[in-house]
Structures are given as C-alpha cells and as structure tokens.
Amino acid sequence: MRTIVPWLVWALALVTWTIALLTPDPVQMSHAVLPAEAAFPVAKSLHVLAYACLTALLAWLPVRPRARWALVALLSFHGAITEYLQTFVPGRSGSVRDVLIDHAGIALGLAVSWAWWRRSPKAPASPAAAPMWGRRVALPDAISATTTPTAPPRPRTR
C-alpha cells in the first residue's frame, strides 16, 4: 500500500493538470478574476509551478533512476502534446513558447529535487544483477570445513 500512494498522488496531479490544460474554464476564470496585465504572468507561472511540482514528485516515486528519466520524458511529451491539443479547445491556443515554459518548469523541478533523486535507492533488478562486493556468499559445508584461516601477513622489517 505504501508504494501505491505516491503513484496515486502523482497520477492524480497529472490528470488534474491535464484537465485544467484541456478545458476552457481556467482561461474564463482568469479573465473574470485577474486584471488583463496580470493574466499572462500568472498563467505562465502556474505552468512552471505545475511542471516543477510534477517533476519534483518523481523523486518520491518508488522507481529506479532509468524509469524516473522515462517519466521526465513523459512530462516533456505531455507539455508538447497538451499545447497541441489546446488548439482544438475553444478559447485556448497552443504555442511553442508555452512548451518551452513547461520545460523550464521541468528543469526547475529537477534542480529542486536533484538531491532526493541522488538519495533514492538503486536496487538491482534481481539478486543476480547485484554487485559481488558487499554480498555474503554461503559456501557449501564441504568447502568451508576444509579451509583453514591464514595468518595475517607479517610487517616487513629492514
């Protein structure tokens, strides 16, 4: 259960953001609430913040680093495809500038959460793929019974 909660939180955040991007409601609300000169900076700041949070949340997911990078690529694709799909939503428009703004949010999220990415466990895919050092290997009784410990090397004297 503990491993599914981060996934649910991340997926809920992604779905909520996708819905907000692909409906005309946020634009209509911004025109009703914000002064005209504040609408653009607030909207673009929200894009940066949303993608930064989605990227930072990736550090919380119980996945290997390679899968995390695949999810960053998914967010990159998400930013581009939602901008394209906005061209079909009344009152919305997509632009390359907005895709770049989304990617600035992804970069910010990586910068903020990089320390957590570095600390996340890097468990091997299988015990056989684990490095040999640090792993205890059980020897068969026949081998361990016939071996004798050796004395430590003597220091050299001149």
Protein backbone atom coordinates (compact mmCIF):
# COMPACT_ATOMS: atom_id res chain seq x y z
CA MET A 1 0.00 0.00 0.00
CA ARG A 2 2.88 2.35 0.79
CA THR A 3 4.23 2.02 -2.74
CA ILE A 4 0.92 2.78 -4.43
CA VAL A 5 0.20 6.03 -2.57
CA PRO A 6 2.97 8.05 -4.28
CA TRP A 7 1.79 6.77 -7.66
CA LEU A 8 -1.80 7.74 -6.90
CA VAL A 9 -0.77 11.23 -5.78
CA TRP A 10 1.40 11.76 -8.87
CA ALA A 11 -1.23 10.38 -11.26
CA LEU A 12 -3.97 12.49 -9.67
CA ALA A 13 -1.80 15.61 -10.00
CA LEU A 14 -1.04 14.80 -13.66
CA VAL A 15 -4.68 14.11 -14.52
CA THR A 16 -5.85 17.27 -12.74
CA TRP A 17 -3.27 19.37 -14.59
CA THR A 18 -4.17 17.76 -17.91
CA ILE A 19 -7.86 18.53 -17.40
CA ALA A 20 -7.02 22.12 -16.48
CA LEU A 21 -4.97 22.48 -19.66
CA LEU A 22 -7.59 21.00 -21.96
CA THR A 23 -10.71 22.85 -20.80
CA PRO A 24 -11.66 26.48 -21.45
CA ASP A 25 -12.62 27.09 -17.80
CA PRO A 26 -9.23 28.30 -16.47
CA VAL A 27 -8.99 30.96 -19.18
CA GLN A 28 -12.53 32.15 -18.48
CA MET A 29 -11.83 32.27 -14.72
CA SER A 30 -8.59 34.18 -15.21
CA HIS A 31 -10.40 36.81 -17.30
CA ALA A 32 -13.06 37.15 -14.60
CA VAL A 33 -10.66 37.32 -11.63
CA LEU A 34 -7.37 38.79 -12.80
CA PRO A 35 -6.58 42.17 -14.35
CA ALA A 36 -5.63 41.87 -18.03
CA GLU A 37 -1.96 42.71 -17.42
CA ALA A 38 -1.61 40.01 -14.74
CA ALA A 39 -3.25 37.15 -16.65
CA PHE A 40 -0.19 36.22 -18.74
CA PRO A 41 2.45 36.17 -15.96
CA VAL A 42 0.11 34.32 -13.59
CA ALA A 43 -0.79 31.70 -16.22
CA LYS A 44 2.82 31.09 -17.20
CA SER A 45 3.96 30.97 -13.57
CA LEU A 46 1.29 28.35 -13.00
CA HIS A 47 2.69 26.32 -15.91
CA VAL A 48 6.21 26.47 -14.45
CA LEU A 49 4.97 25.61 -10.95
CA ALA A 50 2.82 22.69 -12.11
CA TYR A 51 5.57 21.06 -14.15
CA ALA A 52 8.13 21.73 -11.42
CA CYS A 53 5.89 20.01 -8.85
CA LEU A 54 5.15 17.07 -11.16
CA THR A 55 8.89 16.64 -11.77
CA ALA A 56 9.83 17.01 -8.10
CA LEU A 57 7.21 14.42 -7.15
CA LEU A 58 9.05 11.91 -9.33
CA ALA A 59 11.74 11.71 -6.64
CA TRP A 60 9.08 10.32 -4.29
CA LEU A 61 8.03 7.51 -6.62
CA PRO A 62 9.44 4.05 -5.84
CA VAL A 63 11.17 3.52 -9.20
CA ARG A 64 14.68 3.05 -10.47
CA PRO A 65 16.55 6.05 -11.89
CA ARG A 66 16.12 4.93 -15.51
CA ALA A 67 12.34 4.76 -15.05
CA ARG A 68 12.40 8.19 -13.43
CA TRP A 69 14.11 9.61 -16.51
CA ALA A 70 11.46 7.96 -18.67
CA LEU A 71 8.82 9.77 -16.59
CA VAL A 72 10.67 13.06 -17.16
CA ALA A 73 10.46 12.31 -20.88
CA LEU A 74 6.74 11.61 -20.43
CA LEU A 75 6.31 15.03 -18.79
CA SER A 76 8.21 16.60 -21.68
CA PHE A 77 5.89 14.89 -24.15
CA HIS A 78 2.90 15.88 -22.01
CA GLY A 79 3.88 19.55 -22.23
CA ALA A 80 4.16 19.38 -26.01
CA ILE A 81 1.05 17.30 -26.69
CA THR A 82 -1.22 19.34 -24.40
CA GLU A 83 -0.13 22.53 -26.14
CA TYR A 84 -1.03 20.94 -29.46
CA LEU A 85 -4.38 19.69 -28.13
CA GLN A 86 -5.20 23.16 -26.80
CA THR A 87 -5.51 24.33 -30.40
CA PHE A 88 -8.76 22.31 -30.52
CA VAL A 89 -10.18 23.79 -27.28
CA PRO A 90 -12.34 26.91 -27.65
CA GLY A 91 -10.67 29.91 -26.02
CA ARG A 92 -7.29 28.18 -25.79
CA SER A 93 -4.27 28.26 -28.05
CA GLY A 94 -1.05 26.31 -28.09
CA SER A 95 2.38 27.73 -28.70
CA VAL A 96 5.99 26.67 -28.82
CA ARG A 97 6.74 29.38 -26.23
CA ASP A 98 4.42 27.60 -23.77
CA VAL A 99 6.18 24.29 -24.42
CA LEU A 100 9.47 25.99 -23.55
CA ILE A 101 7.89 27.45 -20.41
CA ASP A 102 6.69 23.94 -19.45
CA HIS A 103 10.24 22.67 -19.92
CA ALA A 104 11.54 25.46 -17.70
CA GLY A 105 9.24 24.05 -15.03
CA ILE A 106 10.63 20.55 -15.60
CA ALA A 107 14.17 21.91 -15.28
CA LEU A 108 13.22 23.75 -12.08
CA GLY A 109 11.68 20.57 -10.67
CA LEU A 110 14.86 18.65 -11.45
CA ALA A 111 17.00 21.32 -9.81
CA VAL A 112 14.84 21.42 -6.68
CA SER A 113 14.59 17.65 -6.26
CA TRP A 114 18.02 16.56 -7.52
CA ALA A 115 19.29 15.77 -4.01
CA TRP A 116 16.34 13.42 -3.46
CA TRP A 117 16.95 11.77 -6.80
CA ARG A 118 20.55 11.08 -5.79
CA ARG A 119 19.50 9.56 -2.45
CA SER A 120 16.78 7.28 -3.78
CA PRO A 121 17.55 3.57 -3.58
CA LYS A 122 19.12 1.98 -6.61
CA ALA A 123 18.06 -1.58 -6.07
CA PRO A 124 19.26 -4.05 -8.70
CA ALA A 125 16.68 -5.74 -10.89
CA SER A 126 17.49 -9.17 -9.48
CA PRO A 127 19.85 -10.64 -6.90
CA ALA A 128 22.00 -12.00 -9.73
CA ALA A 129 22.46 -8.45 -11.05
CA ALA A 130 23.70 -7.19 -7.69
CA PRO A 131 27.39 -6.35 -7.46
CA MET A 132 29.54 -9.02 -5.83
CA TRP A 133 31.18 -6.73 -3.29
CA GLY A 134 29.31 -6.44 -0.02
CA ARG A 135 27.31 -9.59 -0.69
CA ARG A 136 27.73 -12.55 1.63
CA VAL A 137 28.05 -15.83 -0.16
CA ALA A 138 27.24 -19.07 1.64
CA LEU A 139 29.88 -21.69 0.97
CA PRO A 140 28.96 -25.35 0.87
CA ASP A 141 29.86 -27.22 4.08
CA ALA A 142 32.47 -29.35 2.29
CA ILE A 143 34.42 -26.26 1.24
CA SER A 144 34.13 -24.32 4.48
CA ALA A 145 35.17 -27.36 6.57
CA THR A 146 38.37 -27.95 4.59
CA THR A 147 39.65 -24.39 4.55
CA THR A 148 41.73 -23.04 7.34
CA PRO A 149 42.19 -19.40 8.15
CA THR A 150 45.52 -17.95 7.17
CA ALA A 151 47.66 -15.80 9.38
CA PRO A 152 47.80 -12.11 8.57
CA PRO A 153 50.94 -11.02 6.69
CA ARG A 154 53.90 -10.02 8.83
CA PRO A 155 55.13 -6.46 8.61
CA ARG A 156 58.42 -6.04 6.80
CA THR A 157 61.46 -5.06 8.77
CA ARG A 158 64.71 -3.75 7.37
